[in-house]
N, C-alpha and C. Protein backbone atom coordinates (compact mmCIF):
# COMPACT_ATOMS: atom_id res chain seq x y z
N MET A 1 8.75 62.20 -61.78
CA MET A 1 7.75 61.19 -61.54
C MET A 1 7.26 60.66 -62.89
N GLU A 2 7.21 59.34 -63.00
CA GLU A 2 6.78 58.72 -64.25
C GLU A 2 5.26 58.74 -64.34
N THR A 3 4.74 59.14 -65.49
CA THR A 3 3.30 59.13 -65.69
C THR A 3 2.92 57.91 -66.50
N ARG A 4 1.82 57.30 -66.14
CA ARG A 4 1.33 56.13 -66.85
C ARG A 4 0.24 56.56 -67.81
N GLN A 5 0.28 55.99 -69.00
CA GLN A 5 -0.77 56.28 -69.96
C GLN A 5 -1.99 55.44 -69.64
N ARG A 6 -3.12 56.04 -69.77
CA ARG A 6 -4.37 55.31 -69.58
C ARG A 6 -4.77 54.67 -70.90
N HIS A 7 -5.50 53.57 -70.77
CA HIS A 7 -6.02 52.91 -71.96
C HIS A 7 -6.93 53.87 -72.72
N ASP A 8 -6.73 53.95 -73.99
CA ASP A 8 -7.54 54.80 -74.85
C ASP A 8 -8.79 54.01 -75.25
N PRO A 9 -9.98 54.38 -74.75
CA PRO A 9 -11.18 53.61 -75.05
C PRO A 9 -11.54 53.59 -76.53
N SER A 10 -10.98 54.51 -77.31
CA SER A 10 -11.28 54.50 -78.74
C SER A 10 -10.50 53.41 -79.47
N LYS A 11 -9.51 52.84 -78.81
CA LYS A 11 -8.71 51.76 -79.39
C LYS A 11 -9.22 50.44 -78.83
N SER A 12 -10.07 49.79 -79.58
CA SER A 12 -10.78 48.62 -79.07
C SER A 12 -10.37 47.31 -79.72
N LEU A 13 -9.45 47.35 -80.68
CA LEU A 13 -9.07 46.15 -81.41
C LEU A 13 -7.55 45.99 -81.46
N VAL A 14 -7.09 44.73 -81.42
CA VAL A 14 -5.68 44.41 -81.61
C VAL A 14 -5.55 43.80 -82.99
N GLY A 15 -4.81 44.46 -83.86
CA GLY A 15 -4.67 44.00 -85.24
C GLY A 15 -3.49 43.07 -85.43
N PHE A 16 -3.64 42.14 -86.38
CA PHE A 16 -2.56 41.22 -86.70
C PHE A 16 -2.74 40.70 -88.12
N HIS A 17 -1.72 40.03 -88.61
CA HIS A 17 -1.72 39.47 -89.96
C HIS A 17 -1.61 37.96 -89.89
N VAL A 18 -2.36 37.31 -90.76
CA VAL A 18 -2.19 35.89 -91.03
C VAL A 18 -2.15 35.80 -92.55
N GLY A 19 -0.98 35.47 -93.08
CA GLY A 19 -0.82 35.55 -94.52
C GLY A 19 -0.90 36.99 -94.94
N ASP A 20 -1.64 37.25 -96.02
CA ASP A 20 -1.79 38.61 -96.53
C ASP A 20 -3.05 39.30 -96.04
N VAL A 21 -3.75 38.68 -95.10
CA VAL A 21 -5.03 39.21 -94.63
C VAL A 21 -4.86 39.86 -93.26
N HIS A 22 -5.55 40.99 -93.08
CA HIS A 22 -5.53 41.72 -91.82
C HIS A 22 -6.71 41.25 -90.97
N TYR A 23 -6.43 40.93 -89.72
CA TYR A 23 -7.45 40.49 -88.77
C TYR A 23 -7.31 41.33 -87.50
N ALA A 24 -8.29 41.18 -86.62
CA ALA A 24 -8.23 41.83 -85.31
C ALA A 24 -9.08 41.02 -84.34
N VAL A 25 -8.81 41.19 -83.06
CA VAL A 25 -9.65 40.66 -82.00
C VAL A 25 -9.93 41.80 -81.03
N PRO A 26 -11.06 41.74 -80.36
CA PRO A 26 -11.36 42.79 -79.38
C PRO A 26 -10.29 42.83 -78.28
N ILE A 27 -9.85 44.02 -77.95
CA ILE A 27 -8.77 44.18 -76.98
C ILE A 27 -9.15 43.63 -75.62
N ASP A 28 -10.43 43.64 -75.28
CA ASP A 28 -10.83 43.13 -73.97
C ASP A 28 -10.71 41.62 -73.86
N ARG A 29 -10.49 40.91 -74.96
CA ARG A 29 -10.27 39.46 -74.95
C ARG A 29 -8.79 39.10 -74.87
N VAL A 30 -7.91 40.08 -75.16
CA VAL A 30 -6.47 39.81 -75.20
C VAL A 30 -5.87 39.98 -73.81
N LYS A 31 -5.23 38.93 -73.33
CA LYS A 31 -4.56 38.99 -72.03
C LYS A 31 -3.10 39.39 -72.18
N GLU A 32 -2.48 38.97 -73.29
CA GLU A 32 -1.07 39.28 -73.49
C GLU A 32 -0.69 39.00 -74.93
N ILE A 33 0.30 39.73 -75.41
CA ILE A 33 0.95 39.43 -76.68
C ILE A 33 2.34 38.95 -76.31
N SER A 34 2.69 37.73 -76.74
CA SER A 34 3.99 37.20 -76.32
C SER A 34 4.73 36.57 -77.49
N ASN A 35 6.02 36.40 -77.29
CA ASN A 35 6.80 35.61 -78.22
C ASN A 35 6.42 34.15 -78.02
N PRO A 36 6.56 33.33 -79.05
CA PRO A 36 6.20 31.92 -78.90
C PRO A 36 6.99 31.26 -77.77
N LEU A 37 6.29 30.39 -77.03
CA LEU A 37 6.89 29.64 -75.93
C LEU A 37 7.12 28.20 -76.36
N GLU A 38 7.85 27.46 -75.54
CA GLU A 38 8.02 26.04 -75.80
C GLU A 38 6.67 25.36 -75.65
N MET A 39 6.39 24.43 -76.54
CA MET A 39 5.10 23.74 -76.45
C MET A 39 5.29 22.24 -76.69
N VAL A 40 4.25 21.50 -76.34
CA VAL A 40 4.22 20.05 -76.49
C VAL A 40 3.07 19.71 -77.41
N ALA A 41 3.31 18.88 -78.42
CA ALA A 41 2.25 18.44 -79.33
C ALA A 41 1.31 17.49 -78.60
N LEU A 42 0.03 17.56 -78.94
CA LEU A 42 -0.97 16.66 -78.35
C LEU A 42 -1.42 15.65 -79.39
N PRO A 43 -1.39 14.37 -79.06
CA PRO A 43 -1.93 13.39 -80.01
C PRO A 43 -3.45 13.54 -80.09
N HIS A 44 -3.98 13.33 -81.26
CA HIS A 44 -5.43 13.34 -81.51
C HIS A 44 -6.08 14.71 -81.31
N ALA A 45 -5.30 15.76 -81.30
CA ALA A 45 -5.86 17.11 -81.19
C ALA A 45 -6.32 17.55 -82.57
N PRO A 46 -7.25 18.49 -82.64
CA PRO A 46 -7.65 19.04 -83.95
C PRO A 46 -6.42 19.60 -84.66
N PRO A 47 -6.38 19.55 -85.99
CA PRO A 47 -5.20 20.01 -86.73
C PRO A 47 -4.75 21.43 -86.41
N ALA A 48 -5.67 22.31 -86.08
CA ALA A 48 -5.30 23.70 -85.79
C ALA A 48 -4.64 23.85 -84.42
N VAL A 49 -4.83 22.87 -83.53
CA VAL A 49 -4.21 22.92 -82.21
C VAL A 49 -2.83 22.28 -82.34
N VAL A 50 -1.80 23.12 -82.41
CA VAL A 50 -0.45 22.63 -82.67
C VAL A 50 0.26 22.16 -81.41
N GLY A 51 -0.36 22.35 -80.26
CA GLY A 51 0.21 21.88 -79.02
C GLY A 51 -0.37 22.61 -77.83
N VAL A 52 0.28 22.39 -76.68
CA VAL A 52 -0.08 23.09 -75.45
C VAL A 52 1.20 23.69 -74.88
N ALA A 53 1.05 24.74 -74.10
CA ALA A 53 2.19 25.41 -73.49
C ALA A 53 1.84 25.81 -72.06
N ASP A 54 2.87 25.95 -71.26
CA ASP A 54 2.71 26.43 -69.89
C ASP A 54 2.69 27.95 -69.95
N TYR A 55 1.52 28.52 -69.70
CA TYR A 55 1.37 29.98 -69.69
C TYR A 55 1.00 30.40 -68.28
N ARG A 56 1.96 30.93 -67.59
CA ARG A 56 1.77 31.45 -66.23
C ARG A 56 1.08 30.44 -65.30
N GLY A 57 1.52 29.17 -65.41
CA GLY A 57 1.02 28.13 -64.53
C GLY A 57 -0.16 27.35 -65.06
N ASP A 58 -0.77 27.79 -66.14
CA ASP A 58 -1.88 27.06 -66.75
C ASP A 58 -1.40 26.43 -68.05
N VAL A 59 -1.95 25.28 -68.37
CA VAL A 59 -1.66 24.63 -69.64
C VAL A 59 -2.69 25.15 -70.64
N VAL A 60 -2.21 25.85 -71.67
CA VAL A 60 -3.12 26.46 -72.64
C VAL A 60 -2.91 25.84 -74.01
N PRO A 61 -4.00 25.67 -74.76
CA PRO A 61 -3.84 25.18 -76.13
C PRO A 61 -3.27 26.28 -77.01
N VAL A 62 -2.50 25.87 -78.00
CA VAL A 62 -1.89 26.79 -78.94
C VAL A 62 -2.54 26.54 -80.30
N VAL A 63 -3.28 27.53 -80.79
CA VAL A 63 -4.02 27.41 -82.05
C VAL A 63 -3.29 28.19 -83.13
N ASP A 64 -2.86 27.48 -84.17
CA ASP A 64 -2.21 28.12 -85.30
C ASP A 64 -3.30 28.61 -86.25
N LEU A 65 -3.46 29.92 -86.36
CA LEU A 65 -4.53 30.46 -87.21
C LEU A 65 -4.29 30.15 -88.68
N ARG A 66 -3.03 29.94 -89.09
CA ARG A 66 -2.78 29.52 -90.48
C ARG A 66 -3.46 28.18 -90.73
N ALA A 67 -3.26 27.24 -89.82
CA ALA A 67 -3.89 25.92 -89.96
C ALA A 67 -5.41 26.04 -89.85
N ARG A 68 -5.87 26.86 -88.95
CA ARG A 68 -7.32 27.05 -88.75
C ARG A 68 -7.98 27.58 -90.02
N PHE A 69 -7.26 28.45 -90.75
CA PHE A 69 -7.80 29.04 -91.97
C PHE A 69 -7.41 28.30 -93.24
N GLY A 70 -6.74 27.14 -93.10
CA GLY A 70 -6.40 26.33 -94.26
C GLY A 70 -5.22 26.85 -95.06
N LEU A 71 -4.34 27.61 -94.43
CA LEU A 71 -3.16 28.14 -95.12
C LEU A 71 -1.95 27.24 -94.85
N ALA A 72 -0.97 27.30 -95.72
CA ALA A 72 0.25 26.54 -95.53
C ALA A 72 1.01 27.06 -94.32
N THR A 73 1.69 26.17 -93.62
CA THR A 73 2.49 26.59 -92.48
C THR A 73 3.75 27.31 -92.97
N THR A 74 4.29 28.15 -92.12
CA THR A 74 5.53 28.85 -92.43
C THR A 74 6.47 28.72 -91.24
N VAL A 75 7.69 29.10 -91.44
CA VAL A 75 8.65 29.06 -90.34
C VAL A 75 8.36 30.19 -89.37
N VAL A 76 8.68 29.96 -88.12
CA VAL A 76 8.52 30.99 -87.10
C VAL A 76 9.62 32.02 -87.30
N THR A 77 9.22 33.28 -87.31
CA THR A 77 10.18 34.38 -87.45
C THR A 77 10.14 35.26 -86.21
N ARG A 78 10.95 36.30 -86.21
CA ARG A 78 10.93 37.24 -85.09
C ARG A 78 9.58 37.95 -85.00
N LYS A 79 8.87 38.05 -86.10
CA LYS A 79 7.57 38.72 -86.11
C LYS A 79 6.44 37.83 -85.62
N THR A 80 6.63 36.51 -85.63
CA THR A 80 5.60 35.58 -85.17
C THR A 80 5.30 35.86 -83.71
N LYS A 81 4.03 35.98 -83.39
CA LYS A 81 3.61 36.26 -82.01
C LYS A 81 2.47 35.33 -81.61
N TRP A 82 2.28 35.26 -80.32
CA TRP A 82 1.11 34.60 -79.74
C TRP A 82 0.23 35.67 -79.13
N LEU A 83 -1.04 35.64 -79.49
CA LEU A 83 -2.04 36.47 -78.82
C LEU A 83 -2.72 35.54 -77.82
N VAL A 84 -2.53 35.78 -76.55
CA VAL A 84 -3.18 34.97 -75.53
C VAL A 84 -4.53 35.61 -75.27
N VAL A 85 -5.59 34.88 -75.63
CA VAL A 85 -6.95 35.41 -75.54
C VAL A 85 -7.80 34.52 -74.65
N GLU A 86 -8.89 35.09 -74.18
CA GLU A 86 -9.84 34.34 -73.38
C GLU A 86 -10.91 33.75 -74.29
N VAL A 87 -11.11 32.45 -74.15
CA VAL A 87 -12.15 31.74 -74.90
C VAL A 87 -12.93 30.90 -73.91
N ALA A 88 -14.18 31.22 -73.71
CA ALA A 88 -15.06 30.46 -72.82
C ALA A 88 -14.44 30.28 -71.43
N GLY A 89 -13.85 31.35 -70.90
CA GLY A 89 -13.29 31.29 -69.56
C GLY A 89 -11.92 30.64 -69.47
N ARG A 90 -11.34 30.25 -70.59
CA ARG A 90 -10.01 29.64 -70.61
C ARG A 90 -9.08 30.47 -71.49
N MET A 91 -7.79 30.38 -71.23
CA MET A 91 -6.81 31.06 -72.05
C MET A 91 -6.43 30.17 -73.23
N VAL A 92 -6.27 30.79 -74.39
CA VAL A 92 -5.84 30.12 -75.62
C VAL A 92 -4.80 31.02 -76.28
N ALA A 93 -3.72 30.42 -76.77
CA ALA A 93 -2.70 31.18 -77.49
C ALA A 93 -2.95 31.04 -78.98
N LEU A 94 -3.11 32.17 -79.67
CA LEU A 94 -3.31 32.19 -81.11
C LEU A 94 -1.99 32.54 -81.78
N VAL A 95 -1.52 31.67 -82.67
CA VAL A 95 -0.28 31.94 -83.40
C VAL A 95 -0.62 32.79 -84.61
N VAL A 96 0.00 33.98 -84.69
CA VAL A 96 -0.22 34.90 -85.80
C VAL A 96 1.13 35.24 -86.44
N ASP A 97 1.09 35.63 -87.70
CA ASP A 97 2.33 35.96 -88.42
C ASP A 97 2.98 37.22 -87.87
N ALA A 98 2.19 38.21 -87.51
CA ALA A 98 2.71 39.46 -86.96
C ALA A 98 1.57 40.24 -86.34
N VAL A 99 1.87 40.96 -85.27
CA VAL A 99 0.90 41.87 -84.66
C VAL A 99 1.16 43.24 -85.27
N SER A 100 0.09 43.92 -85.70
CA SER A 100 0.27 45.22 -86.35
C SER A 100 0.14 46.36 -85.35
N GLU A 101 -1.06 46.60 -84.84
CA GLU A 101 -1.24 47.71 -83.92
C GLU A 101 -2.59 47.62 -83.23
N VAL A 102 -2.75 48.46 -82.22
CA VAL A 102 -4.02 48.59 -81.52
C VAL A 102 -4.73 49.78 -82.14
N PHE A 103 -5.99 49.58 -82.50
CA PHE A 103 -6.74 50.64 -83.16
C PHE A 103 -8.21 50.51 -82.82
N GLY A 104 -9.01 51.42 -83.32
CA GLY A 104 -10.45 51.40 -83.09
C GLY A 104 -11.18 51.58 -84.40
N THR A 105 -12.48 51.50 -84.31
CA THR A 105 -13.31 51.63 -85.51
C THR A 105 -13.77 53.07 -85.71
N GLY A 106 -13.30 53.97 -84.90
CA GLY A 106 -13.72 55.36 -85.02
C GLY A 106 -15.19 55.56 -84.74
N GLY A 107 -15.75 54.70 -83.90
CA GLY A 107 -17.16 54.79 -83.54
C GLY A 107 -18.09 54.09 -84.51
N ALA A 108 -17.57 53.64 -85.63
CA ALA A 108 -18.40 52.95 -86.61
C ALA A 108 -18.68 51.52 -86.15
N GLU A 109 -19.84 51.04 -86.48
CA GLU A 109 -20.21 49.66 -86.18
C GLU A 109 -19.46 48.73 -87.12
N LEU A 110 -19.24 47.50 -86.67
CA LEU A 110 -18.68 46.48 -87.56
C LEU A 110 -19.69 46.19 -88.66
N ARG A 111 -19.19 46.03 -89.87
CA ARG A 111 -20.05 45.62 -90.97
C ARG A 111 -20.15 44.10 -90.97
N PRO A 112 -21.25 43.56 -91.47
CA PRO A 112 -21.39 42.10 -91.49
C PRO A 112 -20.31 41.48 -92.39
N ALA A 113 -19.86 40.31 -91.97
CA ALA A 113 -18.87 39.59 -92.78
C ALA A 113 -19.57 39.00 -94.01
N PRO A 114 -18.89 39.01 -95.14
CA PRO A 114 -19.52 38.43 -96.33
C PRO A 114 -19.58 36.92 -96.22
N ALA A 115 -20.62 36.33 -96.77
CA ALA A 115 -20.73 34.88 -96.82
C ALA A 115 -19.78 34.39 -97.91
N LEU A 116 -18.83 33.57 -97.52
CA LEU A 116 -17.83 33.11 -98.46
C LEU A 116 -17.97 31.63 -98.80
N GLY A 117 -19.04 31.01 -98.35
CA GLY A 117 -19.24 29.60 -98.67
C GLY A 117 -18.65 28.71 -97.61
N SER A 118 -18.19 27.54 -98.03
CA SER A 118 -17.68 26.57 -97.06
C SER A 118 -16.49 27.16 -96.32
N GLY A 119 -16.43 26.86 -95.03
CA GLY A 119 -15.35 27.36 -94.21
C GLY A 119 -15.70 28.59 -93.40
N ASP A 120 -16.89 29.18 -93.62
CA ASP A 120 -17.28 30.36 -92.85
C ASP A 120 -17.29 30.06 -91.35
N ASP A 121 -17.75 28.87 -90.97
CA ASP A 121 -17.82 28.51 -89.56
C ASP A 121 -16.42 28.43 -88.95
N VAL A 122 -15.43 28.01 -89.72
CA VAL A 122 -14.06 27.90 -89.23
C VAL A 122 -13.44 29.27 -89.06
N ARG A 123 -13.73 30.18 -89.97
CA ARG A 123 -13.13 31.51 -89.88
C ARG A 123 -13.61 32.26 -88.65
N GLY A 124 -14.88 32.14 -88.30
CA GLY A 124 -15.40 32.79 -87.10
C GLY A 124 -15.30 34.29 -87.14
N ILE A 125 -15.69 34.89 -88.24
CA ILE A 125 -15.60 36.34 -88.40
C ILE A 125 -16.83 37.00 -87.75
N ALA A 126 -16.58 37.92 -86.83
CA ALA A 126 -17.67 38.65 -86.18
C ALA A 126 -18.15 39.80 -87.04
N GLY A 127 -17.24 40.37 -87.83
CA GLY A 127 -17.59 41.49 -88.68
C GLY A 127 -16.35 42.05 -89.34
N VAL A 128 -16.56 43.10 -90.11
CA VAL A 128 -15.47 43.71 -90.87
C VAL A 128 -15.39 45.19 -90.49
N ALA A 129 -14.16 45.64 -90.27
CA ALA A 129 -13.89 47.05 -89.98
C ALA A 129 -12.96 47.58 -91.06
N SER A 130 -12.90 48.87 -91.19
CA SER A 130 -11.93 49.51 -92.08
C SER A 130 -10.96 50.28 -91.22
N TYR A 131 -9.69 50.15 -91.55
CA TYR A 131 -8.68 50.90 -90.82
C TYR A 131 -7.55 51.24 -91.78
N GLY A 132 -7.26 52.50 -91.91
CA GLY A 132 -6.19 52.94 -92.79
C GLY A 132 -6.41 52.53 -94.23
N GLY A 133 -7.67 52.48 -94.66
CA GLY A 133 -7.98 52.10 -96.03
C GLY A 133 -7.94 50.60 -96.29
N THR A 134 -7.78 49.81 -95.25
CA THR A 134 -7.69 48.36 -95.38
C THR A 134 -8.87 47.70 -94.68
N LEU A 135 -9.39 46.64 -95.28
CA LEU A 135 -10.43 45.85 -94.61
C LEU A 135 -9.77 44.97 -93.57
N VAL A 136 -10.36 44.95 -92.39
CA VAL A 136 -9.86 44.14 -91.28
C VAL A 136 -10.99 43.24 -90.82
N PHE A 137 -10.72 41.93 -90.79
CA PHE A 137 -11.72 40.96 -90.35
C PHE A 137 -11.57 40.75 -88.85
N VAL A 138 -12.64 41.05 -88.11
CA VAL A 138 -12.62 40.94 -86.66
C VAL A 138 -13.12 39.55 -86.27
N LEU A 139 -12.27 38.82 -85.54
CA LEU A 139 -12.61 37.46 -85.15
C LEU A 139 -13.50 37.43 -83.92
N ASP A 140 -14.40 36.47 -83.91
CA ASP A 140 -15.22 36.17 -82.74
C ASP A 140 -14.50 35.04 -82.01
N THR A 141 -13.75 35.37 -80.96
CA THR A 141 -12.93 34.37 -80.28
C THR A 141 -13.76 33.25 -79.66
N SER A 142 -15.02 33.51 -79.37
CA SER A 142 -15.85 32.45 -78.78
C SER A 142 -16.04 31.29 -79.75
N ARG A 143 -15.83 31.54 -81.04
CA ARG A 143 -15.98 30.47 -82.04
C ARG A 143 -14.85 29.45 -81.97
N LEU A 144 -13.81 29.75 -81.19
CA LEU A 144 -12.72 28.78 -80.99
C LEU A 144 -13.06 27.74 -79.93
N ARG A 145 -14.21 27.91 -79.31
CA ARG A 145 -14.64 26.99 -78.25
C ARG A 145 -14.68 25.54 -78.73
N ASP A 146 -15.04 25.33 -80.00
CA ASP A 146 -15.11 23.96 -80.51
C ASP A 146 -13.76 23.26 -80.49
N LEU A 147 -12.67 24.03 -80.46
CA LEU A 147 -11.34 23.45 -80.35
C LEU A 147 -10.95 23.19 -78.90
N THR A 148 -11.39 24.04 -78.00
CA THR A 148 -10.93 23.95 -76.61
C THR A 148 -11.78 23.05 -75.73
N GLU A 149 -13.06 22.97 -75.98
CA GLU A 149 -13.93 22.18 -75.11
C GLU A 149 -13.56 20.71 -75.04
N PRO A 150 -13.30 20.03 -76.17
CA PRO A 150 -12.91 18.61 -76.06
C PRO A 150 -11.60 18.42 -75.30
N LEU A 151 -10.66 19.34 -75.45
CA LEU A 151 -9.39 19.23 -74.74
C LEU A 151 -9.59 19.45 -73.24
N ALA A 152 -10.45 20.39 -72.88
CA ALA A 152 -10.73 20.64 -71.47
C ALA A 152 -11.43 19.44 -70.85
N ALA A 153 -12.39 18.86 -71.58
CA ALA A 153 -13.12 17.70 -71.07
C ALA A 153 -12.19 16.52 -70.84
N ALA A 154 -11.15 16.40 -71.67
CA ALA A 154 -10.19 15.30 -71.53
C ALA A 154 -9.10 15.62 -70.51
N GLY A 155 -9.14 16.82 -69.92
CA GLY A 155 -8.15 17.20 -68.92
C GLY A 155 -6.81 17.57 -69.52
N GLN A 156 -6.78 17.87 -70.83
CA GLN A 156 -5.52 18.18 -71.49
C GLN A 156 -5.14 19.65 -71.44
N ILE A 157 -6.06 20.51 -71.03
CA ILE A 157 -5.73 21.93 -70.85
C ILE A 157 -6.30 22.39 -69.53
N GLY A 158 -5.81 23.50 -69.05
CA GLY A 158 -6.25 24.05 -67.78
C GLY A 158 -5.15 23.89 -66.75
N GLY A 159 -5.51 23.90 -65.50
CA GLY A 159 -4.52 23.81 -64.44
C GLY A 159 -4.47 22.47 -63.75
N GLY A 160 -5.16 21.46 -64.28
CA GLY A 160 -5.24 20.16 -63.62
C GLY A 160 -3.96 19.34 -63.72
N GLU A 161 -3.90 18.29 -62.90
CA GLU A 161 -2.72 17.41 -62.88
C GLU A 161 -2.52 16.70 -64.21
N VAL A 162 -3.60 16.26 -64.87
CA VAL A 162 -3.45 15.59 -66.16
C VAL A 162 -2.80 16.54 -67.15
N ALA A 163 -3.27 17.77 -67.20
CA ALA A 163 -2.71 18.75 -68.12
C ALA A 163 -1.25 19.03 -67.80
N ARG A 164 -0.92 19.22 -66.52
CA ARG A 164 0.46 19.51 -66.15
C ARG A 164 1.40 18.35 -66.50
N SER A 165 0.90 17.12 -66.45
CA SER A 165 1.75 15.96 -66.73
C SER A 165 2.15 15.91 -68.20
N LEU A 166 1.47 16.65 -69.07
CA LEU A 166 1.82 16.68 -70.48
C LEU A 166 3.07 17.49 -70.75
N LEU A 167 3.38 18.43 -69.87
CA LEU A 167 4.50 19.33 -70.09
C LEU A 167 5.78 18.75 -69.52
N PRO A 168 6.92 19.06 -70.15
CA PRO A 168 8.20 18.59 -69.59
C PRO A 168 8.45 19.24 -68.24
N GLU A 169 9.20 18.55 -67.39
CA GLU A 169 9.54 19.09 -66.08
C GLU A 169 10.34 20.37 -66.24
N ALA A 170 10.01 21.33 -65.44
CA ALA A 170 10.77 22.60 -65.47
C ALA A 170 12.08 22.37 -64.74
N SER A 171 13.15 22.92 -65.28
CA SER A 171 14.44 22.79 -64.62
C SER A 171 14.57 23.85 -63.53
N PRO A 172 15.25 23.51 -62.43
CA PRO A 172 15.35 24.47 -61.32
C PRO A 172 16.16 25.69 -61.64
């Protein structure tokens, strides 16, 4: 008989890399880690929104965290992943360079993020954790709402007919 492992409550963060920096998001916000899917570019979308994709029947925005953080784009590799996260009740796919591992803070509270000047609002850092001797910046996914709300209001994301019409017809 196969035994299933239970979720380890001490592992509360999903770690990933964007460039040379280690980041994480709370595991309870992550719906899935997937390989990149086919997507469609949206005209007049914010620069960090590189397109929309059909994710399990919903049209979700795809946010490139490299663009969001002002980094140069790179080619998609086998390590490139999408973290599908919940933002304000909607799914959003975050493009990351690589997913590292699921870990926890060992019961320690997140430390406040340092003020780095202009761009702090774009980074959306909830706090800083240490893991394996490395600083990990924990993202506040709710801060991505400024990217998704205008698209939702325009009917370009979600499950509506306008959003579905943006995607190419699925072949039988």
